[in-house]
Protein backbone atom coordinates (compact mmCIF):
# COMPACT_ATOMS: atom_id res chain seq x y z
CA UNK A 1 -187.29 -2.32 -139.67
CA UNK A 2 -190.21 -2.72 -137.56
CA UNK A 3 -191.51 0.24 -135.74
CA UNK A 4 -190.99 -1.51 -132.66
CA UNK A 5 -187.30 -1.36 -132.93
CA UNK A 6 -187.18 2.12 -134.48
CA UNK A 7 -185.57 4.79 -132.10
CA UNK A 8 -187.52 7.30 -130.23
CA UNK A 9 -186.15 10.02 -132.40
CA UNK A 10 -187.10 8.28 -135.51
CA UNK A 11 -190.73 7.69 -134.07
CA UNK A 12 -191.33 11.29 -133.03
CA UNK A 13 -190.42 12.24 -136.51
CA UNK A 14 -192.92 9.72 -137.82
CA UNK A 15 -195.54 11.21 -135.68
CA UNK A 16 -194.87 14.44 -136.57
CA UNK A 17 -194.91 13.83 -140.36
CA UNK A 18 -198.21 11.92 -139.92
CA UNK A 19 -196.50 8.62 -141.37
CA UNK A 20 -198.02 6.73 -138.31
CA UNK A 21 -200.54 7.83 -135.81
CA UNK A 22 -200.22 7.52 -131.86
CA UNK A 23 -202.92 4.87 -131.62
CA UNK A 24 -201.08 2.67 -134.44
CA UNK A 25 -197.73 3.05 -132.46
CA UNK A 26 -199.25 2.20 -129.34
CA UNK A 27 -201.16 -0.90 -130.79
CA UNK A 28 -197.85 -2.06 -132.36
CA UNK A 29 -195.93 -2.00 -128.94
CA UNK A 30 -198.94 -3.68 -127.35
CA UNK A 31 -198.89 -6.16 -129.78
CA UNK A 32 -195.26 -7.05 -129.26
CA UNK A 33 -195.69 -7.05 -125.35
CA UNK A 34 -198.25 -9.62 -125.99
CA UNK A 35 -196.27 -11.76 -128.31
CA UNK A 36 -193.19 -11.82 -125.86
CA UNK A 37 -193.89 -10.58 -122.29
CA UNK A 38 -195.28 -14.07 -121.50
CA UNK A 39 -191.59 -15.12 -121.70
CA UNK A 40 -189.66 -12.11 -120.75
CA UNK A 41 -192.12 -10.96 -117.97
CA UNK A 42 -190.52 -7.35 -118.12
CA UNK A 43 -194.28 -5.72 -117.21
CA UNK A 44 -195.97 -6.04 -113.80
CA UNK A 45 -199.20 -4.11 -115.02
CA UNK A 46 -200.22 -3.19 -118.56
CA UNK A 47 -203.15 -0.82 -119.34
CA UNK A 48 -203.67 -1.01 -122.86
CA UNK A 49 -206.99 0.53 -122.81
CA UNK A 50 -206.11 3.60 -121.19
CA UNK A 51 -202.91 3.90 -123.42
CA UNK A 52 -204.68 3.77 -126.44
CA UNK A 53 -207.32 6.11 -125.33
CA UNK A 54 -204.61 8.65 -124.41
CA UNK A 55 -203.09 7.72 -127.64
CA UNK A 56 -206.31 8.99 -129.59
CA UNK A 57 -206.77 12.07 -127.44
CA UNK A 58 -203.33 12.98 -128.78
CA UNK A 59 -203.89 12.20 -132.33
CA UNK A 60 -207.29 14.40 -132.12
CA UNK A 61 -205.00 17.20 -130.82
CA UNK A 62 -202.62 16.76 -133.32
CA UNK A 63 -205.21 16.88 -136.15
CA UNK A 64 -206.71 19.99 -134.52
CA UNK A 65 -203.25 21.85 -134.66
CA UNK A 66 -203.27 22.27 -130.85
CA UNK A 67 -199.86 22.59 -128.86
CA UNK A 68 -198.09 19.10 -128.09
CA UNK A 69 -195.40 18.24 -125.76
CA UNK A 70 -192.02 17.21 -126.68
CA UNK A 71 -193.27 13.23 -126.45
CA UNK A 72 -196.32 13.69 -127.70
CA UNK A 73 -197.99 10.17 -128.63
CA UNK A 74 -194.75 8.55 -127.80
CA UNK A 75 -195.27 5.18 -125.62
CA UNK A 76 -193.06 4.37 -122.77
CA UNK A 77 -192.75 2.37 -119.87
CA UNK A 78 -192.17 3.43 -116.14
CA UNK A 79 -190.82 1.06 -113.20
CA UNK A 80 -192.91 0.05 -110.64
CA UNK A 81 -191.31 2.15 -107.63
CA UNK A 82 -192.46 5.37 -109.12
CA UNK A 83 -196.05 6.35 -108.30
CA UNK A 84 -198.86 7.07 -110.76
CA UNK A 85 -202.07 8.12 -109.35
CA UNK A 86 -204.82 5.83 -109.26
CA UNK A 87 -202.79 2.77 -110.46
CA UNK A 88 -200.88 0.04 -107.90
CA UNK A 89 -197.39 0.71 -107.17
CA UNK A 90 -196.23 -2.44 -105.67
CA UNK A 91 -192.19 -2.10 -106.04
CA UNK A 92 -192.46 -5.61 -106.83
CA UNK A 93 -193.22 -6.76 -103.36
CA UNK A 94 -195.97 -8.32 -101.39
CA UNK A 95 -195.90 -5.55 -98.60
CA UNK A 96 -197.46 -2.95 -101.43
CA UNK A 97 -199.13 -5.41 -103.61
CA UNK A 98 -202.51 -3.56 -103.35
CA UNK A 99 -201.03 0.01 -102.55
CA UNK A 100 -202.67 2.46 -104.88
CA UNK A 101 -201.06 6.20 -104.55
CA UNK A 102 -203.17 9.22 -104.61
CA UNK A 103 -200.60 11.37 -106.42
CA UNK A 104 -198.27 11.08 -109.53
CA UNK A 105 -194.41 11.33 -108.95
CA UNK A 106 -193.07 14.42 -110.32
CA UNK A 107 -191.05 12.37 -113.02
CA UNK A 108 -194.51 10.50 -114.09
CA UNK A 109 -196.18 14.32 -113.91
CA UNK A 110 -193.45 15.63 -116.33
CA UNK A 111 -193.94 12.77 -118.67
CA UNK A 112 -197.82 13.38 -118.93
CA UNK A 113 -197.21 17.27 -119.49
CA UNK A 114 -194.86 16.09 -122.20
CA UNK A 115 -198.12 13.90 -123.74
CA UNK A 116 -196.14 10.54 -123.40
CA UNK A 117 -198.37 7.54 -123.49
CA UNK A 118 -197.55 5.14 -120.50
CA UNK A 119 -198.06 1.69 -121.47
CA UNK A 120 -197.68 0.23 -117.91
CA UNK A 121 -195.17 -0.60 -115.13
CA UNK A 122 -192.14 -2.59 -115.43
CA UNK A 123 -190.72 -5.47 -113.05
CA UNK A 124 -187.92 -4.65 -110.51
CA UNK A 125 -186.14 -6.53 -107.59
CA UNK A 126 -188.27 -5.96 -104.44
CA UNK A 127 -188.00 -2.54 -103.18
CA UNK A 128 -185.03 -1.96 -105.90
CA UNK A 129 -182.85 -4.17 -103.56
CA UNK A 130 -180.95 -6.35 -105.94
CA UNK A 131 -179.11 -7.03 -109.19
CA UNK A 132 -180.83 -9.78 -111.00
CA UNK A 133 -184.70 -8.82 -110.88
CA UNK A 134 -185.16 -12.49 -109.32
CA UNK A 135 -186.43 -10.80 -105.98
CA UNK A 136 -189.49 -9.47 -107.30
CA UNK A 137 -192.38 -10.96 -105.30
CA UNK A 138 -194.45 -11.61 -108.84
CA UNK A 139 -191.53 -13.88 -110.53
CA UNK A 140 -188.37 -13.03 -112.29
CA UNK A 141 -187.76 -11.08 -115.54
CA UNK A 142 -185.53 -12.95 -118.40
CA UNK A 143 -183.03 -11.48 -120.25
CA UNK A 144 -184.26 -11.23 -123.99
CA UNK A 145 -180.84 -12.23 -125.56
CA UNK A 146 -180.92 -15.54 -123.52
CA UNK A 147 -183.95 -16.40 -121.47
CA UNK A 148 -182.31 -18.51 -119.30
CA UNK A 149 -179.98 -15.62 -118.01
CA UNK A 150 -181.22 -12.65 -115.99
CA UNK A 151 -181.58 -9.12 -117.38
CA UNK A 152 -179.71 -7.53 -114.15
CA UNK A 153 -181.37 -5.40 -111.61
CA UNK A 154 -183.09 -3.71 -110.37
CA UNK A 155 -184.41 -1.90 -113.33
CA UNK A 156 -184.35 -5.28 -115.24
CA UNK A 157 -188.17 -4.79 -116.45
CA UNK A 158 -187.43 -1.60 -117.97
CA UNK A 159 -184.01 -2.71 -119.76
CA UNK A 160 -185.73 -6.03 -121.00
CA UNK A 161 -188.57 -4.20 -122.24
CA UNK A 162 -186.41 -2.15 -124.30
CA UNK A 163 -184.26 -4.89 -125.73
CA UNK A 164 -187.29 -6.92 -126.43
CA UNK A 165 -188.94 -4.07 -128.63
CA UNK A 166 -191.83 -3.58 -126.07
CA UNK A 167 -191.33 0.18 -125.81
CA UNK A 168 -188.87 2.59 -127.06
CA UNK A 169 -187.96 4.33 -123.80
CA UNK A 170 -188.23 3.43 -120.17
CA UNK A 171 -187.77 5.04 -116.91
CA UNK A 172 -185.68 3.32 -114.15
CA UNK A 173 -183.92 4.11 -110.98
CA UNK A 174 -180.47 3.82 -109.92
CA UNK A 175 -179.10 3.42 -106.29
CA UNK A 176 -175.90 1.38 -106.90
CA UNK A 177 -176.08 0.55 -110.60
CA UNK A 178 -179.75 -0.51 -111.05
CA UNK A 179 -179.97 1.48 -114.52
CA UNK A 180 -176.58 1.04 -115.87
CA UNK A 181 -176.10 -2.59 -115.05
CA UNK A 182 -179.40 -3.97 -116.71
CA UNK A 183 -178.81 -1.60 -119.45
CA UNK A 184 -175.19 -3.61 -119.88
CA UNK A 185 -176.82 -7.06 -119.64
CA UNK A 186 -179.47 -6.22 -122.14
CA UNK A 187 -177.79 -4.26 -124.46
CA UNK A 188 -179.23 -1.06 -124.33
CA UNK A 189 -178.31 2.72 -122.83
CA UNK A 190 -179.08 3.74 -119.44
CA UNK A 191 -178.31 7.00 -117.62
CA UNK A 192 -177.71 7.65 -113.96
CA UNK A 193 -177.91 11.50 -113.66
CA UNK A 194 -176.25 13.62 -110.83
CA UNK A 195 -178.08 13.33 -107.61
CA UNK A 196 -180.58 15.85 -107.45
CA UNK A 197 -180.75 16.69 -111.32
CA UNK A 198 -184.16 14.62 -111.54
CA UNK A 199 -186.77 14.78 -108.70
CA UNK A 200 -187.28 11.78 -106.34
CA UNK A 201 -190.60 13.06 -105.31
CA UNK A 202 -193.04 9.94 -105.85
CA UNK A 203 -190.05 7.39 -105.89
CA UNK A 204 -190.74 4.79 -103.17
CA UNK A 205 -187.55 5.33 -101.30
CA UNK A 206 -184.59 2.34 -100.99
CA UNK A 207 -181.74 4.64 -99.85
CA UNK A 208 -182.64 8.15 -100.03
CA UNK A 209 -178.98 9.79 -100.55
CA UNK A 210 -178.12 7.47 -103.41
CA UNK A 211 -181.41 6.89 -105.34
CA UNK A 212 -181.78 8.83 -108.62
CA UNK A 213 -184.36 8.51 -111.21
CA UNK A 214 -183.00 8.15 -115.00
CA UNK A 215 -183.73 7.21 -118.60
CA UNK A 216 -183.06 3.97 -120.48
CA UNK A 217 -183.23 3.92 -124.16
CA UNK A 218 -181.94 2.43 -127.40
CA UNK A 219 -179.26 5.11 -127.92
CA UNK A 220 -177.81 8.22 -126.19
CA UNK A 221 -179.91 10.39 -128.56
CA UNK A 222 -182.89 8.86 -127.05
CA UNK A 223 -181.70 8.91 -123.68
CA UNK A 224 -181.29 12.65 -124.26
CA UNK A 225 -184.69 13.23 -125.04
CA UNK A 226 -186.19 11.66 -122.13
CA UNK A 227 -183.85 13.11 -119.83
CA UNK A 228 -184.67 16.57 -121.26
CA UNK A 229 -188.24 15.85 -119.92
CA UNK A 230 -187.20 14.22 -116.81
CA UNK A 231 -184.63 16.72 -115.42
CA UNK A 232 -185.08 20.08 -113.53
CA UNK A 233 -185.66 21.59 -110.31
CA UNK A 234 -188.55 20.52 -108.05
CA UNK A 235 -189.85 22.41 -104.72
CA UNK A 236 -191.07 19.07 -103.78
CA UNK A 237 -187.99 17.12 -103.40
CA UNK A 238 -185.64 18.97 -101.02
CA UNK A 239 -182.70 17.32 -102.70
CA UNK A 240 -183.61 18.85 -106.01
CA UNK A 241 -180.85 21.07 -107.48
CA UNK A 242 -182.14 24.28 -108.79
CA UNK A 243 -179.77 24.55 -111.70
CA UNK A 244 -180.53 25.15 -115.20
CA UNK A 245 -180.80 22.23 -117.42
CA UNK A 246 -179.24 22.25 -120.78
CA UNK A 247 -181.07 21.26 -124.07
CA UNK A 248 -179.52 17.78 -124.26
CA UNK A 249 -181.36 16.89 -127.30
CA UNK A 250 -180.04 19.85 -129.28
CA UNK A 251 -176.35 19.48 -128.05
CA UNK A 252 -175.92 15.77 -128.24
CA UNK A 253 -174.53 15.95 -131.93
CA UNK A 254 -172.03 18.71 -131.16
CA UNK A 255 -168.37 17.65 -131.38
CA UNK A 256 -166.38 17.25 -128.44
CA UNK A 257 -162.93 18.92 -129.04
CA UNK A 258 -160.04 17.92 -126.85
CA UNK A 259 -161.76 14.90 -125.02
CA UNK A 260 -159.59 13.60 -122.46
CA UNK A 261 -160.85 9.83 -121.37
CA UNK A 262 -159.40 8.54 -118.22
CA UNK A 263 -159.08 4.81 -117.59
CA UNK A 264 -158.76 3.76 -114.09
CA UNK A 265 -156.34 0.99 -113.20
CA UNK A 266 -158.57 -0.27 -110.50
CA UNK A 267 -161.52 -1.02 -112.83
CA UNK A 268 -159.27 -3.63 -114.84
CA UNK A 269 -158.09 -5.82 -111.51
CA UNK A 270 -158.91 -9.29 -110.26
CA UNK A 271 -162.62 -10.65 -111.11
CA UNK A 272 -162.91 -8.90 -114.12
CA UNK A 273 -163.98 -11.38 -117.22
CA UNK A 274 -161.50 -11.30 -119.99
CA UNK A 275 -163.93 -10.87 -122.56
CA UNK A 276 -165.24 -7.87 -120.75
CA UNK A 277 -161.98 -6.15 -120.42
CA UNK A 278 -161.25 -6.83 -123.99
CA UNK A 279 -164.42 -5.41 -125.36
CA UNK A 280 -163.95 -2.31 -122.69
CA UNK A 281 -160.49 -1.67 -123.93
CA UNK A 282 -161.46 -2.01 -127.70
CA UNK A 283 -164.07 0.83 -126.83
CA UNK A 284 -161.41 2.97 -125.35
CA UNK A 285 -159.75 2.51 -128.56
CA UNK A 286 -162.28 3.61 -130.68
CA UNK A 287 -162.30 6.82 -128.87
CA UNK A 288 -158.58 7.28 -129.48
CA UNK A 289 -159.25 6.73 -133.01
CA UNK A 290 -162.01 9.67 -132.83
CA UNK A 291 -159.25 12.04 -131.66
CA UNK A 292 -159.46 11.67 -127.86
CA UNK A 293 -156.58 11.66 -125.43
CA UNK A 294 -156.35 8.59 -123.30
CA UNK A 295 -155.06 9.10 -119.97
CA UNK A 296 -154.32 6.39 -117.10
CA UNK A 297 -155.67 7.51 -113.66
CA UNK A 298 -155.94 6.08 -110.18
CA UNK A 299 -159.08 5.82 -107.95
CA UNK A 300 -157.45 4.73 -104.82
CA UNK A 301 -160.37 4.25 -102.40
CA UNK A 302 -162.64 2.36 -104.94
CA UNK A 303 -161.61 -0.91 -103.55
CA UNK A 304 -163.61 0.05 -100.41
CA UNK A 305 -166.52 1.14 -102.60
CA UNK A 306 -168.57 -2.21 -102.13
CA UNK A 307 -167.97 -2.30 -98.14
CA UNK A 308 -169.03 1.63 -98.04
CA UNK A 309 -172.08 1.27 -100.06
CA UNK A 310 -173.39 -2.09 -98.47
CA UNK A 311 -173.28 -0.31 -95.08
CA UNK A 312 -174.94 3.07 -96.30
CA UNK A 313 -177.39 1.60 -98.50
CA UNK A 314 -178.88 -0.88 -95.78
CA UNK A 315 -178.77 1.76 -93.01
CA UNK A 316 -180.59 3.99 -95.13
CA UNK A 317 -183.06 1.31 -96.22
CA UNK A 318 -183.70 0.19 -92.62
CA UNK A 319 -184.88 3.62 -91.82
CA UNK A 320 -187.19 4.00 -94.96
CA UNK A 321 -188.74 0.68 -94.86
CA UNK A 322 -189.68 1.16 -91.09
CA UNK A 323 -192.76 2.85 -91.99
CA UNK A 324 -194.12 -0.49 -93.38
CA UNK A 325 -195.88 -1.89 -90.14
CA UNK A 326 -199.20 -3.04 -91.55
CA UNK A 327 -201.06 -0.28 -89.81
CA UNK A 328 -201.32 2.79 -91.98
CA UNK A 329 -201.01 1.01 -95.55
CA UNK A 330 -199.40 -2.03 -97.16
CA UNK A 331 -199.53 -5.65 -96.23
CA UNK A 332 -201.37 -6.77 -92.96
CA UNK A 333 -201.08 -10.15 -91.38
CA UNK A 334 -203.88 -12.34 -91.27
CA UNK A 335 -205.24 -11.44 -87.87
CA UNK A 336 -207.55 -14.22 -87.09
CA UNK A 337 -204.44 -16.76 -87.43
CA UNK A 338 -202.12 -14.18 -85.48
CA UNK A 339 -204.59 -13.90 -82.43
CA UNK A 340 -204.86 -17.74 -82.60
CA UNK A 341 -200.95 -18.39 -82.45
CA UNK A 342 -200.95 -15.55 -79.45
CA UNK A 343 -203.45 -17.36 -77.61
CA UNK A 344 -201.67 -20.71 -78.08
CA UNK A 345 -198.56 -19.37 -76.93
CA UNK A 346 -199.98 -17.64 -73.75
CA UNK A 347 -202.10 -21.11 -72.80
CA UNK A 348 -198.39 -22.84 -73.22
CA UNK A 349 -196.97 -20.36 -70.66
CA UNK A 350 -199.95 -20.64 -68.37
CA UNK A 351 -199.55 -24.33 -68.41
CA UNK A 352 -195.82 -24.17 -67.43
CA UNK A 353 -196.88 -22.53 -64.54
CA UNK A 354 -194.37 -19.32 -65.15
CA UNK A 355 -195.66 -16.47 -62.71
CA UNK A 356 -194.16 -13.94 -65.43
CA UNK A 357 -195.60 -15.46 -68.29
CA UNK A 358 -197.63 -12.49 -69.53
CA UNK A 359 -194.13 -10.51 -69.22
CA UNK A 360 -192.50 -12.85 -71.83
CA UNK A 361 -195.61 -12.53 -74.43
CA UNK A 362 -195.67 -10.00 -77.02
CA UNK A 363 -198.61 -7.91 -77.02
CA UNK A 364 -200.79 -8.60 -80.00
CA UNK A 365 -199.83 -5.07 -81.75
CA UNK A 366 -196.18 -6.03 -81.48
CA UNK A 367 -196.83 -9.54 -82.96
CA UNK A 368 -198.92 -7.87 -85.72
CA UNK A 369 -195.91 -6.00 -86.70
CA UNK A 370 -193.63 -8.59 -86.61
CA UNK A 371 -195.67 -10.92 -88.54
CA UNK A 372 -196.78 -8.12 -91.03
CA UNK A 373 -193.21 -7.49 -91.84
CA UNK A 374 -192.03 -10.99 -91.90
CA UNK A 375 -194.76 -12.17 -94.25
CA UNK A 376 -194.60 -8.78 -96.33
CA UNK A 377 -190.96 -8.74 -97.27
CA UNK A 378 -188.84 -11.00 -99.01
CA UNK A 379 -185.52 -12.38 -98.09
CA UNK A 380 -183.37 -9.86 -99.59
CA UNK A 381 -185.26 -7.05 -98.27
CA UNK A 382 -185.03 -8.57 -94.92
CA UNK A 383 -181.35 -8.98 -95.18
CA UNK A 384 -180.83 -5.62 -95.92
CA UNK A 385 -182.91 -4.33 -93.24
CA UNK A 386 -181.31 -6.25 -90.73
CA UNK A 387 -177.71 -5.31 -91.83
CA UNK A 388 -178.62 -1.44 -91.54
CA UNK A 389 -180.54 -1.91 -88.39
CA UNK A 390 -177.31 -3.61 -86.78
CA UNK A 391 -175.08 -1.08 -88.13
CA UNK A 392 -176.78 1.64 -86.80
CA UNK A 393 -177.53 0.08 -83.25
CA UNK A 394 -175.99 1.54 -80.23
CA UNK A 395 -172.23 0.69 -80.16
CA UNK A 396 -171.68 -0.20 -83.90
CA UNK A 397 -173.00 3.34 -85.34
CA UNK A 398 -169.17 4.79 -85.09
CA UNK A 399 -167.74 1.48 -86.11
CA UNK A 400 -169.78 0.92 -89.46
CA UNK A 401 -172.06 4.00 -90.49
CA UNK A 402 -169.97 7.03 -89.61
CA UNK A 403 -166.82 5.20 -90.91
CA UNK A 404 -168.54 4.41 -94.10
CA UNK A 405 -169.63 7.92 -94.44
CA UNK A 406 -165.80 9.10 -93.88
CA UNK A 407 -164.90 6.83 -96.72
CA UNK A 408 -167.74 7.91 -99.24
CA UNK A 409 -166.32 11.39 -98.98
CA UNK A 410 -162.71 9.86 -99.74
CA UNK A 411 -164.37 8.26 -102.81
CA UNK A 412 -165.50 11.50 -104.01
CA UNK A 413 -162.11 13.18 -103.40
CA UNK A 414 -160.69 10.45 -105.74
CA UNK A 415 -163.20 11.48 -108.48
CA UNK A 416 -162.95 15.24 -107.88
CA UNK A 417 -159.07 14.99 -108.43
CA UNK A 418 -159.40 12.59 -111.51
CA UNK A 419 -161.70 14.81 -113.29
CA UNK A 420 -159.04 17.78 -113.07
CA UNK A 421 -157.19 15.72 -115.34
CA UNK A 422 -159.93 14.18 -117.62
CA UNK A 423 -163.18 14.90 -118.79
CA UNK A 424 -164.93 11.25 -118.50
CA UNK A 425 -163.75 8.01 -117.03
CA UNK A 426 -164.15 4.95 -119.01
CA UNK A 427 -164.40 1.68 -117.60
CA UNK A 428 -166.44 -1.76 -117.20
CA UNK A 429 -170.26 -1.51 -116.09
CA UNK A 430 -169.97 -4.91 -114.45
CA UNK A 431 -167.25 -7.72 -114.06
CA UNK A 432 -169.36 -10.23 -116.16
CA UNK A 433 -171.81 -10.33 -118.66
CA UNK A 434 -175.62 -11.45 -117.46
CA UNK A 435 -175.50 -14.61 -115.68
CA UNK A 436 -177.91 -17.75 -115.64
CA UNK A 437 -180.97 -17.35 -113.67
CA UNK A 438 -180.55 -18.73 -109.69
CA UNK A 439 -177.00 -18.63 -110.42
CA UNK A 440 -176.15 -16.16 -107.48
CA UNK A 441 -179.19 -16.26 -105.39
CA UNK A 442 -177.68 -18.56 -102.79
CA UNK A 443 -174.55 -16.41 -102.83
CA UNK A 444 -175.70 -13.00 -101.99
CA UNK A 445 -171.82 -11.77 -101.46
CA UNK A 446 -170.91 -12.67 -105.18
CA UNK A 447 -174.02 -10.79 -106.41
CA UNK A 448 -173.00 -7.69 -104.10
CA UNK A 449 -169.62 -7.92 -105.89
CA UNK A 450 -171.08 -7.45 -109.32
CA UNK A 451 -171.75 -4.00 -108.09
CA UNK A 452 -168.03 -3.27 -108.09
CA UNK A 453 -167.78 -0.74 -110.82
CA UNK A 454 -171.23 1.08 -110.43
CA UNK A 455 -171.89 1.91 -106.58
CA UNK A 456 -169.17 4.58 -106.24
CA UNK A 457 -170.96 6.53 -108.83
CA UNK A 458 -173.89 6.75 -106.62
CA UNK A 459 -171.74 7.18 -103.23
CA UNK A 460 -169.95 10.17 -104.98
CA UNK A 461 -173.45 11.63 -106.40
CA UNK A 462 -172.19 11.75 -109.99
CA UNK A 463 -173.71 10.76 -113.29
CA UNK A 464 -172.80 7.72 -115.12
CA UNK A 465 -173.87 6.02 -118.29
CA UNK A 466 -173.63 2.54 -119.93
CA UNK A 467 -173.59 1.75 -123.38
CA UNK A 468 -173.44 -1.17 -125.59
CA UNK A 469 -169.94 -1.94 -126.59
CA UNK A 470 -169.50 -5.54 -127.68
CA UNK A 471 -170.92 -9.19 -127.09
CA UNK A 472 -169.47 -12.21 -125.41
CA UNK A 473 -168.88 -15.80 -126.89
CA UNK A 474 -172.12 -16.63 -126.01
CA UNK A 475 -173.88 -13.52 -127.70
CA UNK A 476 -174.56 -11.87 -124.53
CA UNK A 477 -174.05 -7.85 -124.42
CA UNK A 478 -171.24 -6.06 -122.78
CA UNK A 479 -171.51 -2.38 -121.65
CA UNK A 480 -169.13 0.39 -121.42
CA UNK A 481 -169.59 2.93 -118.57
CA UNK A 482 -168.80 6.42 -118.93
CA UNK A 483 -168.59 8.68 -115.61
CA UNK A 484 -168.51 12.23 -115.43
CA UNK A 485 -168.14 15.27 -113.04
CA UNK A 486 -171.55 16.60 -111.16
CA UNK A 487 -174.07 17.78 -113.28
CA UNK A 488 -172.30 16.77 -116.44
CA UNK A 489 -174.84 14.83 -118.14
CA UNK A 490 -174.73 16.78 -121.49
CA UNK A 491 -170.94 15.71 -121.66
CA UNK A 492 -171.61 12.06 -120.84
CA UNK A 493 -174.22 11.97 -123.69
CA UNK A 494 -172.22 13.83 -126.08
CA UNK A 495 -169.30 11.20 -125.63
CA UNK A 496 -171.66 8.31 -125.69
CA UNK A 497 -173.36 9.81 -128.62
CA UNK A 498 -169.81 10.12 -130.35
CA UNK A 499 -169.26 6.39 -129.77
CA UNK A 500 -172.37 5.07 -131.29
CA UNK A 501 -171.93 7.28 -134.34
CA UNK A 502 -168.86 5.27 -134.72
CA UNK A 503 -170.05 1.64 -133.82
CA UNK A 504 -173.13 -0.20 -134.30
CA UNK A 505 -173.35 -2.25 -131.15
CA UNK A 506 -176.44 -0.33 -130.00
CA UNK A 507 -178.36 -1.20 -133.02
CA UNK A 508 -178.11 -4.92 -132.53
CA UNK A 509 -181.24 -6.89 -131.62
CA UNK A 510 -182.11 -10.12 -129.81
CA UNK A 511 -183.32 -13.27 -131.59
CA UNK A 512 -186.77 -13.19 -129.68
CA UNK A 513 -189.23 -16.06 -130.02
CA UNK A 514 -193.02 -15.72 -128.73
CA UNK A 515 -192.95 -19.30 -126.86
CA UNK A 516 -192.14 -19.58 -123.35
CA UNK A 517 -188.84 -20.97 -122.33
């Protein structure tokens, strides 16, 4: 097997044994990126020279017998909404195209402390708002299994880079399914941790009560390795949970005695593709064959999850994105053109003889704000900001936002009651497999409905994982979602590993070519 498709656990073993150096391994992945990223477009920024220099330093320290971190010499990629000091962090938006943060996100700092080698920054939907990675200002990412299909989103670049063998590990973020859905579409493993398990410091905010950083990997064992580094309390994040972190990598192989798997009837209703249902139910039967008990459960308020999410998330986005005004940092409109437009409108009003002409004319400052935001944000970001601003406006707050918060509490209560009876909940990640590029761009509602099974995990603040469980007739991957109680990532990882020990779906690789589609 090519080094590019070895697991992270295997690669770390080879590095420790001296079978391969970090420089050799980094070159292998850089060569894979050079061969295939012209087609896939998983990366927004690649810094091969810096990666090789860091790999050489780690090799030198290894030869000298110096202490090394748990990811020593292992290359990986980071989603481009996580700040890396001195490197552009664009969020795939024109608004932040030239923004260079002066600090590292805590997640990035922990990767560097673990002696990982960061290859570059991966593509995403603009400001992580989307489910296809098509809203990126820098162009869409393509699915390595079929380059005419989307990789999912918003962490589409992270998932596609794994599927294409461009990196053994990748870091993404998940606000409503943005790790799990692309993991499902690309046939890899993706974990959304409990809210507060991983520090959000340095993650560019979309919806602050929903955002969470997490690992994407080839397997649950690899995801455990990465989560071990990312997880833990951080005083720089006021929402970070000061709770001990289990040794995920050491416990993942321990048996799960008396495992009870819940199957929610609401996850198998109208809109679920028949091929997806068959694959997911077959996966549940695998658990049954391994000794797990299967129990039917109900999550009665899950039918309100999409409506609730698409009120709360845009409301929080509206506030978080208000800071991008073209003044302190970020995109600013062309000022001479703006002034020329302002003067032209003033002349028109003067010529009309309107004595209140100046009262009807925006100030140059207001016009600069308006033009900068109109030109700096893409259509999907504008749509969500307008939705959120409307829902928060006078006369609508109680009817929309406050009501959504109350339903969110009911959704969490459903899960709390279910987890009194079951250990994990199994179901589909998405109603369909990956769809064609452009298929849903003109129908935002249809795209939002694709988040039907994932958003409730974020609304309830729970952990969830996506693992490969089959393929469609068109050879597109299908994902199984497992959801667990708060702070039970260890249980989810062990349950996912149990399934992957009994199946080989996660070992399948796409038939890549190095030519453009």
